């Protein structure tokens, strides 16, 4: 599989998370789960991947997916949430942008704090993910 296809599939998996579709009788609801992380009380959402330099920073909780039933909460942080290693991405404050790395991967999944404004989020996402696409 070539690199652009692999990156695209990774993004698809990361952004769709897990989901369940309710039955035809409307007795079950549905909910989609985005992959979220929480570090030092700040929640971050995945926005893409980058190869921007980074250094290991600490750990975060990764959300668990609770997407079954009528009132499914979707992504939650609970006892089943995994603890993952985070990375400080060069040029960005760690309370706004963090990275995580899959085992043996050179690329980082980029997470932006939910508290970042939409315009700033878009700028950061473009800087970190579009620059890699042009290489």
N, C-alpha and C. Protein backbone atom coordinates (compact mmCIF):
# COMPACT_ATOMS: atom_id res chain seq x y z
N UNK A 1 0.87 -1.18 0.00
CA UNK A 1 0.00 0.00 0.00
C UNK A 1 0.90 1.22 0.00
N UNK A 2 0.59 2.22 -0.86
CA UNK A 2 1.45 3.40 -0.90
C UNK A 2 1.13 4.36 0.25
N UNK A 3 2.04 5.29 0.53
CA UNK A 3 1.93 6.17 1.69
C UNK A 3 0.66 7.03 1.69
N UNK A 4 0.27 7.68 0.56
CA UNK A 4 -0.95 8.49 0.60
C UNK A 4 -2.20 7.69 0.94
N UNK A 5 -2.27 6.46 0.45
CA UNK A 5 -3.42 5.61 0.76
C UNK A 5 -3.41 5.23 2.23
N UNK A 6 -2.23 4.86 2.75
CA UNK A 6 -2.13 4.49 4.15
C UNK A 6 -2.51 5.66 5.05
N UNK A 7 -2.05 6.87 4.73
CA UNK A 7 -2.39 8.05 5.52
C UNK A 7 -3.89 8.30 5.44
N UNK A 8 -4.47 8.18 4.27
CA UNK A 8 -5.91 8.39 4.12
C UNK A 8 -6.71 7.40 4.93
N UNK A 9 -6.30 6.14 4.92
CA UNK A 9 -7.00 5.13 5.71
C UNK A 9 -6.85 5.39 7.20
N UNK A 10 -5.65 5.83 7.61
CA UNK A 10 -5.44 6.16 9.02
C UNK A 10 -6.36 7.30 9.43
N UNK A 11 -6.46 8.33 8.62
CA UNK A 11 -7.34 9.46 8.94
C UNK A 11 -8.79 9.01 9.00
N UNK A 12 -9.21 8.14 8.09
CA UNK A 12 -10.58 7.65 8.09
C UNK A 12 -10.88 6.93 9.38
N UNK A 13 -9.98 6.05 9.82
CA UNK A 13 -10.19 5.32 11.05
C UNK A 13 -10.20 6.26 12.24
N UNK A 14 -9.26 7.21 12.29
CA UNK A 14 -9.18 8.12 13.42
C UNK A 14 -10.37 9.05 13.51
N UNK A 15 -10.90 9.48 12.39
CA UNK A 15 -12.00 10.44 12.45
C UNK A 15 -13.35 9.79 12.59
N UNK A 16 -13.49 8.53 12.18
CA UNK A 16 -14.79 7.90 12.31
C UNK A 16 -14.95 7.18 13.62
N UNK A 17 -13.84 6.73 14.20
CA UNK A 17 -13.92 6.04 15.48
C UNK A 17 -14.80 4.83 15.40
N UNK A 18 -15.74 4.68 16.35
CA UNK A 18 -16.64 3.54 16.32
C UNK A 18 -18.06 4.07 16.26
N UNK A 19 -18.94 3.27 15.71
CA UNK A 19 -20.33 3.70 15.63
C UNK A 19 -21.23 2.49 15.57
N UNK A 20 -22.48 2.70 15.93
CA UNK A 20 -23.51 1.67 15.81
C UNK A 20 -24.74 2.33 15.25
N UNK A 21 -25.41 1.63 14.40
CA UNK A 21 -26.62 2.17 13.80
C UNK A 21 -27.80 1.46 14.40
N UNK A 22 -28.81 2.22 14.80
CA UNK A 22 -29.97 1.65 15.44
C UNK A 22 -30.80 0.80 14.51
N UNK A 23 -31.67 -0.02 15.10
CA UNK A 23 -32.53 -0.90 14.34
C UNK A 23 -33.64 -0.14 13.66
N UNK A 24 -34.41 -0.82 12.86
CA UNK A 24 -35.47 -0.19 12.10
C UNK A 24 -36.65 0.24 12.93
N UNK A 25 -36.76 -0.25 14.18
CA UNK A 25 -37.91 0.09 15.02
C UNK A 25 -37.67 1.30 15.89
N UNK A 26 -36.55 2.00 15.66
CA UNK A 26 -36.17 3.16 16.46
C UNK A 26 -36.03 2.86 17.94
N UNK A 27 -35.81 1.56 18.28
CA UNK A 27 -35.62 1.22 19.68
C UNK A 27 -34.17 1.40 20.11
N UNK A 28 -33.29 1.59 19.15
CA UNK A 28 -31.89 1.87 19.45
C UNK A 28 -31.50 3.15 18.76
N UNK A 29 -30.68 3.95 19.42
CA UNK A 29 -30.17 5.16 18.79
C UNK A 29 -28.82 4.87 18.18
N UNK A 30 -28.20 5.91 17.68
CA UNK A 30 -26.85 5.75 17.16
C UNK A 30 -26.02 6.94 17.57
N UNK A 31 -24.75 6.71 17.64
CA UNK A 31 -23.83 7.77 18.00
C UNK A 31 -22.49 7.46 17.35
N UNK A 32 -21.78 8.47 16.92
CA UNK A 32 -20.46 8.27 16.37
C UNK A 32 -19.44 8.70 17.41
N UNK A 33 -18.31 8.02 17.42
CA UNK A 33 -17.26 8.34 18.38
C UNK A 33 -16.05 8.93 17.67
N UNK A 34 -15.71 10.11 18.04
CA UNK A 34 -14.45 10.71 17.59
C UNK A 34 -13.39 10.26 18.58
N UNK A 35 -12.15 10.23 18.14
CA UNK A 35 -11.06 9.90 19.05
C UNK A 35 -10.63 11.19 19.73
N UNK A 36 -10.72 11.21 21.05
CA UNK A 36 -10.34 12.37 21.85
C UNK A 36 -9.26 11.94 22.83
N UNK A 37 -8.45 12.90 23.26
CA UNK A 37 -7.53 12.65 24.36
C UNK A 37 -7.73 13.76 25.39
N UNK A 38 -7.36 13.44 26.63
CA UNK A 38 -7.44 14.44 27.71
C UNK A 38 -6.13 14.44 28.47
N UNK A 39 -5.49 15.62 28.52
CA UNK A 39 -4.23 15.79 29.24
C UNK A 39 -4.36 17.00 30.16
N UNK A 40 -4.03 16.82 31.42
CA UNK A 40 -4.10 17.90 32.41
C UNK A 40 -5.46 18.59 32.40
N UNK A 41 -6.53 17.81 32.22
CA UNK A 41 -7.89 18.34 32.25
C UNK A 41 -8.35 19.00 30.96
N UNK A 42 -7.48 19.06 29.94
CA UNK A 42 -7.82 19.68 28.65
C UNK A 42 -8.16 18.58 27.65
N UNK A 43 -9.30 18.73 26.95
CA UNK A 43 -9.72 17.75 25.94
C UNK A 43 -9.25 18.22 24.57
N UNK A 44 -8.69 17.29 23.81
CA UNK A 44 -8.15 17.55 22.48
C UNK A 44 -8.85 16.64 21.47
N UNK A 45 -9.10 17.16 20.25
CA UNK A 45 -9.69 16.39 19.16
C UNK A 45 -8.65 16.17 18.06
N UNK A 46 -8.71 14.99 17.45
CA UNK A 46 -7.79 14.65 16.36
C UNK A 46 -8.12 15.46 15.12
N UNK A 47 -7.06 15.99 14.45
CA UNK A 47 -7.26 16.79 13.24
C UNK A 47 -6.46 16.28 12.04
N UNK A 48 -5.60 15.28 12.23
CA UNK A 48 -4.82 14.76 11.11
C UNK A 48 -3.49 14.21 11.57
N UNK A 49 -2.56 14.06 10.62
CA UNK A 49 -1.23 13.54 10.93
C UNK A 49 -0.16 14.49 10.42
N UNK A 50 1.02 14.40 11.05
CA UNK A 50 2.14 15.25 10.66
C UNK A 50 3.46 14.53 10.89
N UNK A 51 4.49 14.99 10.22
CA UNK A 51 5.84 14.49 10.49
C UNK A 51 6.70 15.62 11.08
N UNK A 52 6.05 16.69 11.55
CA UNK A 52 6.74 17.80 12.20
C UNK A 52 7.51 17.27 13.41
N UNK A 53 8.72 17.74 13.65
CA UNK A 53 9.50 17.26 14.80
C UNK A 53 8.76 17.46 16.12
N UNK A 54 8.97 16.50 17.04
CA UNK A 54 8.31 16.54 18.34
C UNK A 54 9.16 15.80 19.36
N UNK A 55 8.94 16.12 20.63
CA UNK A 55 9.64 15.43 21.72
C UNK A 55 8.59 14.87 22.68
N UNK A 56 8.94 13.72 23.27
CA UNK A 56 8.03 13.09 24.22
C UNK A 56 7.74 14.05 25.36
N UNK A 57 6.47 14.14 25.75
CA UNK A 57 6.05 15.11 26.76
C UNK A 57 5.54 14.44 28.02
N UNK A 58 4.54 13.56 27.89
CA UNK A 58 3.91 12.95 29.06
C UNK A 58 2.89 11.93 28.62
N UNK A 59 1.75 11.92 29.33
CA UNK A 59 0.69 10.98 28.99
C UNK A 59 -0.66 11.68 28.95
N UNK A 60 -1.60 11.00 28.33
CA UNK A 60 -2.98 11.48 28.27
C UNK A 60 -3.91 10.27 28.30
N UNK A 61 -5.16 10.51 28.61
CA UNK A 61 -6.18 9.48 28.52
C UNK A 61 -6.78 9.53 27.14
N UNK A 62 -7.01 8.37 26.53
CA UNK A 62 -7.69 8.30 25.24
C UNK A 62 -9.14 7.91 25.50
N UNK A 63 -10.06 8.57 24.83
CA UNK A 63 -11.48 8.31 25.06
C UNK A 63 -11.86 6.88 24.71
N UNK A 64 -12.87 6.40 25.41
CA UNK A 64 -13.51 5.12 25.11
C UNK A 64 -14.78 5.42 24.34
N UNK A 65 -15.21 4.50 23.51
CA UNK A 65 -16.40 4.71 22.70
C UNK A 65 -17.61 4.01 23.31
N UNK A 66 -18.59 4.79 23.70
CA UNK A 66 -19.85 4.27 24.22
C UNK A 66 -20.94 4.73 23.26
N UNK A 67 -21.21 3.90 22.24
CA UNK A 67 -22.11 4.35 21.19
C UNK A 67 -23.31 3.43 20.96
N UNK A 68 -23.72 2.71 21.99
CA UNK A 68 -24.85 1.80 21.85
C UNK A 68 -26.00 2.30 22.71
N UNK A 69 -27.20 2.26 22.17
CA UNK A 69 -28.39 2.64 22.92
C UNK A 69 -28.94 3.99 22.50
N UNK A 70 -30.11 4.26 22.98
CA UNK A 70 -30.84 5.48 22.59
C UNK A 70 -30.12 6.75 23.02
N UNK A 71 -29.57 6.76 24.23
CA UNK A 71 -28.90 7.95 24.76
C UNK A 71 -27.40 7.73 24.87
N UNK A 72 -26.83 7.14 23.84
CA UNK A 72 -25.40 6.83 23.85
C UNK A 72 -24.58 8.11 23.99
N UNK A 73 -23.65 8.16 24.94
CA UNK A 73 -22.87 9.38 25.15
C UNK A 73 -21.76 9.60 24.13
N UNK A 74 -21.37 8.55 23.39
CA UNK A 74 -20.27 8.69 22.43
C UNK A 74 -18.94 8.54 23.13
N UNK A 75 -17.96 9.41 22.80
CA UNK A 75 -16.65 9.27 23.44
C UNK A 75 -16.69 9.75 24.89
N UNK A 76 -16.14 8.93 25.79
CA UNK A 76 -16.10 9.28 27.21
C UNK A 76 -14.74 8.92 27.79
N UNK A 77 -14.41 9.54 28.89
CA UNK A 77 -13.20 9.22 29.63
C UNK A 77 -13.64 8.50 30.89
N UNK A 78 -13.26 7.22 31.00
CA UNK A 78 -13.66 6.41 32.15
C UNK A 78 -12.58 5.39 32.47
N UNK A 79 -12.90 4.41 33.31
CA UNK A 79 -11.91 3.41 33.72
C UNK A 79 -11.38 2.57 32.57
N UNK A 80 -12.13 2.50 31.45
CA UNK A 80 -11.66 1.71 30.32
C UNK A 80 -10.81 2.54 29.33
N UNK A 81 -10.62 3.81 29.62
CA UNK A 81 -9.80 4.67 28.76
C UNK A 81 -8.33 4.30 28.88
N UNK A 82 -7.67 4.18 27.73
CA UNK A 82 -6.24 3.85 27.70
C UNK A 82 -5.40 5.07 28.04
N UNK A 83 -4.24 4.84 28.62
CA UNK A 83 -3.25 5.90 28.84
C UNK A 83 -2.23 5.81 27.71
N UNK A 84 -2.01 6.94 27.03
CA UNK A 84 -1.10 6.96 25.88
C UNK A 84 -0.04 8.04 26.07
N UNK A 85 1.07 7.88 25.36
CA UNK A 85 2.17 8.85 25.42
C UNK A 85 1.86 10.03 24.51
N UNK A 86 2.15 11.23 25.00
CA UNK A 86 1.94 12.44 24.20
C UNK A 86 3.29 13.05 23.83
N UNK A 87 3.26 13.86 22.76
CA UNK A 87 4.45 14.53 22.26
C UNK A 87 4.17 16.01 22.09
N UNK A 88 5.17 16.83 22.44
CA UNK A 88 5.10 18.27 22.20
C UNK A 88 5.59 18.50 20.78
N UNK A 89 4.74 19.10 19.96
CA UNK A 89 5.08 19.36 18.56
C UNK A 89 5.80 20.70 18.48
N UNK A 90 6.97 20.69 17.89
CA UNK A 90 7.81 21.89 17.79
C UNK A 90 7.02 23.07 17.21
N UNK A 91 7.08 24.20 17.94
CA UNK A 91 6.43 25.43 17.48
C UNK A 91 5.02 25.64 18.01
N UNK A 92 4.51 24.71 18.83
CA UNK A 92 3.14 24.82 19.33
C UNK A 92 3.11 24.60 20.83
N UNK A 93 2.28 25.36 21.52
CA UNK A 93 2.12 25.23 22.97
C UNK A 93 1.41 23.92 23.28
N UNK A 94 1.90 23.15 24.27
CA UNK A 94 1.29 21.86 24.58
C UNK A 94 -0.11 21.94 25.19
N UNK A 95 -0.54 23.12 25.60
CA UNK A 95 -1.92 23.24 26.07
C UNK A 95 -2.87 23.51 24.90
N UNK A 96 -2.30 23.63 23.67
CA UNK A 96 -3.12 23.83 22.48
C UNK A 96 -2.99 22.71 21.46
N UNK A 97 -1.80 22.13 21.34
CA UNK A 97 -1.54 21.08 20.34
C UNK A 97 -0.69 19.99 20.96
N UNK A 98 -1.12 18.74 20.77
CA UNK A 98 -0.34 17.58 21.20
C UNK A 98 -0.29 16.57 20.06
N UNK A 99 0.67 15.68 20.14
CA UNK A 99 0.74 14.58 19.19
C UNK A 99 0.76 13.27 19.92
N UNK A 100 0.34 12.21 19.24
CA UNK A 100 0.50 10.84 19.73
C UNK A 100 1.09 10.04 18.59
N UNK A 101 1.75 8.96 18.92
CA UNK A 101 2.42 8.17 17.88
C UNK A 101 2.02 6.71 18.03
N UNK A 102 1.61 6.11 16.90
CA UNK A 102 1.36 4.67 16.90
C UNK A 102 2.72 3.97 16.99
N UNK A 103 2.74 2.78 17.51
CA UNK A 103 3.97 2.02 17.65
C UNK A 103 4.74 1.97 16.34
N UNK A 104 6.02 2.29 16.41
CA UNK A 104 6.94 2.25 15.26
C UNK A 104 6.55 3.17 14.11
N UNK A 105 5.80 4.20 14.38
CA UNK A 105 5.40 5.15 13.33
C UNK A 105 6.23 6.42 13.44
N UNK A 106 6.64 6.95 12.30
CA UNK A 106 7.38 8.21 12.29
C UNK A 106 6.42 9.39 12.37
N UNK A 107 5.18 9.18 11.93
CA UNK A 107 4.20 10.27 11.93
C UNK A 107 3.46 10.35 13.26
N UNK A 108 3.02 11.56 13.55
CA UNK A 108 2.22 11.82 14.75
C UNK A 108 0.78 12.09 14.36
N UNK A 109 -0.14 11.61 15.16
CA UNK A 109 -1.52 12.06 15.05
C UNK A 109 -1.59 13.38 15.81
N UNK A 110 -2.15 14.40 15.18
CA UNK A 110 -2.22 15.74 15.77
C UNK A 110 -3.57 15.93 16.45
N UNK A 111 -3.52 16.44 17.67
CA UNK A 111 -4.71 16.77 18.45
C UNK A 111 -4.66 18.25 18.80
N UNK A 112 -5.78 18.95 18.60
CA UNK A 112 -5.88 20.36 18.95
C UNK A 112 -6.90 20.49 20.08
N UNK A 113 -6.57 21.32 21.08
CA UNK A 113 -7.46 21.52 22.23
C UNK A 113 -8.81 22.05 21.77
N UNK A 114 -9.86 21.51 22.36
CA UNK A 114 -11.21 21.96 22.02
C UNK A 114 -11.44 23.43 22.36
N UNK A 115 -10.61 23.98 23.25
CA UNK A 115 -10.74 25.39 23.64
C UNK A 115 -10.17 26.36 22.60
N UNK A 116 -9.44 25.85 21.62
CA UNK A 116 -8.86 26.70 20.56
C UNK A 116 -9.99 27.16 19.63
N UNK A 117 -9.97 28.43 19.26
CA UNK A 117 -11.02 28.98 18.39
C UNK A 117 -11.03 28.27 17.04
N UNK A 118 -12.19 28.23 16.36
CA UNK A 118 -12.27 27.55 15.06
C UNK A 118 -11.26 28.08 14.04
N UNK A 119 -11.06 29.38 13.98
CA UNK A 119 -10.10 29.95 13.03
C UNK A 119 -8.68 29.54 13.32
N UNK A 120 -8.31 29.57 14.60
CA UNK A 120 -6.97 29.17 15.01
C UNK A 120 -6.78 27.66 14.79
N UNK A 121 -7.81 26.87 15.07
CA UNK A 121 -7.77 25.42 14.84
C UNK A 121 -7.51 25.13 13.36
N UNK A 122 -8.22 25.84 12.50
CA UNK A 122 -8.06 25.64 11.06
C UNK A 122 -6.64 26.01 10.61
N UNK A 123 -6.11 27.12 11.14
CA UNK A 123 -4.76 27.54 10.79
C UNK A 123 -3.74 26.49 11.23
N UNK A 124 -3.85 26.03 12.47
CA UNK A 124 -2.92 25.02 12.99
C UNK A 124 -3.00 23.72 12.20
N UNK A 125 -4.21 23.30 11.91
CA UNK A 125 -4.41 22.06 11.15
C UNK A 125 -3.76 22.18 9.78
N UNK A 126 -3.97 23.32 9.13
CA UNK A 126 -3.38 23.53 7.81
C UNK A 126 -1.85 23.51 7.89
N UNK A 127 -1.29 24.24 8.85
CA UNK A 127 0.16 24.30 8.99
C UNK A 127 0.77 22.92 9.22
N UNK A 128 0.13 22.14 10.07
CA UNK A 128 0.71 20.85 10.44
C UNK A 128 0.44 19.72 9.44
N UNK A 129 -0.69 19.73 8.81
CA UNK A 129 -1.03 18.60 7.93
C UNK A 129 -0.82 18.91 6.44
N UNK A 130 -1.09 20.12 6.01
CA UNK A 130 -0.93 20.46 4.60
C UNK A 130 0.53 20.58 4.19
N UNK A 131 1.37 21.04 5.11
CA UNK A 131 2.80 21.15 4.81
C UNK A 131 3.38 19.78 4.50
N UNK A 132 2.93 18.75 5.22
CA UNK A 132 3.40 17.40 4.96
C UNK A 132 2.93 16.89 3.61
N UNK A 133 1.73 17.27 3.20
CA UNK A 133 1.16 16.79 1.94
C UNK A 133 1.93 17.33 0.74
N UNK A 134 2.56 18.50 0.90
CA UNK A 134 3.26 19.10 -0.24
C UNK A 134 4.69 18.59 -0.39
N UNK A 135 5.16 17.78 0.56
CA UNK A 135 6.55 17.25 0.50
C UNK A 135 6.65 16.10 -0.48
